[in-house]
Amino acid sequence: MTLVAMGLWLLDNCDLEACTSTAAELSQWDFQLAVAPVRFAGTSGSPVNPIATF
């Protein structure tokens, strides 16, 4: 709960190999990562849908 109160988001088990291969193909190493959590009342976590936009 302390991490959420501090505004720190914690993402576990990120598989970023698809991002690295796409970045290599595009020769572009910066991207925007949008993470959209599902809002549940009275919880401190939820599944997310991370989207990388190059």
C-alpha atoms as a PDB file:
ATOM      1  CA  MET A   1       0.000   0.000   0.000  1.00  0.00           C
ATOM      2  CA  THR A   2       2.895   2.355   0.662  1.00  0.00           C
ATOM      3  CA  LEU A   3       4.060   2.180  -2.958  1.00  0.00           C
ATOM      4  CA  VAL A   4       0.619   3.203  -4.215  1.00  0.00           C
ATOM      5  CA  ALA A   5       0.399   6.022  -1.663  1.00  0.00           C
ATOM      6  CA  MET A   6       3.768   7.321  -2.911  1.00  0.00           C
ATOM      7  CA  GLY A   7       2.554   7.189  -6.511  1.00  0.00           C
ATOM      8  CA  LEU A   8       5.054   4.477  -7.452  1.00  0.00           C
ATOM      9  CA  TRP A   9       3.740   1.868  -9.873  1.00  0.00           C
ATOM     10  CA  LEU A  10       5.279  -1.605  -9.766  1.00  0.00           C
ATOM     11  CA  LEU A  11       5.152  -3.832 -12.844  1.00  0.00           C
ATOM     12  CA  ASP A  12       6.191  -7.478 -12.478  1.00  0.00           C
ATOM     13  CA  ASN A  13       7.211  -9.927 -15.203  1.00  0.00           C
ATOM     14  CA  CYS A  14       7.583  -7.440 -18.053  1.00  0.00           C
ATOM     15  CA  ASP A  15       8.596  -9.171 -21.287  1.00  0.00           C
ATOM     16  CA  LEU A  16      10.253  -6.404 -23.267  1.00  0.00           C
ATOM     17  CA  GLU A  17      11.870  -8.542 -25.991  1.00  0.00           C
ATOM     18  CA  ALA A  18       9.177  -7.522 -28.504  1.00  0.00           C
ATOM     19  CA  CYS A  19       9.975  -3.858 -27.764  1.00  0.00           C
ATOM     20  CA  THR A  20      13.704  -4.398 -28.330  1.00  0.00           C
ATOM     21  CA  SER A  21      13.207  -6.203 -31.646  1.00  0.00           C
ATOM     22  CA  THR A  22      10.762  -3.527 -32.873  1.00  0.00           C
ATOM     23  CA  ALA A  23      13.149  -0.777 -31.787  1.00  0.00           C
ATOM     24  CA  ALA A  24      16.004  -2.468 -33.668  1.00  0.00           C
ATOM     25  CA  GLU A  25      13.888  -2.771 -36.837  1.00  0.00           C
ATOM     26  CA  LEU A  26      12.906   0.911 -36.653  1.00  0.00           C
ATOM     27  CA  SER A  27      16.335   2.140 -35.459  1.00  0.00           C
ATOM     28  CA  GLN A  28      14.422   4.112 -32.850  1.00  0.00           C
ATOM     29  CA  TRP A  29      15.244   3.558 -29.193  1.00  0.00           C
ATOM     30  CA  ASP A  30      12.686   5.781 -27.484  1.00  0.00           C
ATOM     31  CA  PHE A  31       9.020   5.017 -27.122  1.00  0.00           C
ATOM     32  CA  GLN A  32       5.985   5.915 -25.044  1.00  0.00           C
ATOM     33  CA  LEU A  33       4.757   3.273 -22.615  1.00  0.00           C
ATOM     34  CA  ALA A  34       1.114   3.636 -21.586  1.00  0.00           C
ATOM     35  CA  VAL A  35      -0.138   1.427 -18.765  1.00  0.00           C
ATOM     36  CA  ALA A  36      -3.884   1.340 -18.220  1.00  0.00           C
ATOM     37  CA  PRO A  37      -4.917  -0.313 -14.928  1.00  0.00           C
ATOM     38  CA  VAL A  38      -8.411  -1.589 -14.241  1.00  0.00           C
ATOM     39  CA  ARG A  39      -9.959   0.355 -11.345  1.00  0.00           C
ATOM     40  CA  PHE A  40     -11.311  -1.801  -8.530  1.00  0.00           C
ATOM     41  CA  ALA A  41     -12.653  -0.271  -5.310  1.00  0.00           C
ATOM     42  CA  GLY A  42     -10.787  -1.200  -2.124  1.00  0.00           C
ATOM     43  CA  THR A  43      -7.778  -2.864  -3.766  1.00  0.00           C
ATOM     44  CA  SER A  44      -4.118  -1.987  -4.196  1.00  0.00           C
ATOM     45  CA  GLY A  45      -3.485  -3.776  -7.489  1.00  0.00           C
ATOM     46  CA  SER A  46      -5.017  -4.826 -10.778  1.00  0.00           C
ATOM     47  CA  PRO A  47      -4.101  -6.370 -14.124  1.00  0.00           C
ATOM     48  CA  VAL A  48      -2.832  -3.867 -16.685  1.00  0.00           C
ATOM     49  CA  ASN A  49      -2.573  -3.578 -20.452  1.00  0.00           C
ATOM     50  CA  PRO A  50       0.799  -1.993 -21.288  1.00  0.00           C
ATOM     51  CA  ILE A  51       1.037  -0.457 -24.780  1.00  0.00           C
ATOM     52  CA  ALA A  52       4.340   0.686 -26.320  1.00  0.00           C
ATOM     53  CA  THR A  53       3.997   3.318 -29.053  1.00  0.00           C
ATOM     54  CA  PHE A  54       7.016   4.001 -31.270  1.00  0.00           C
END
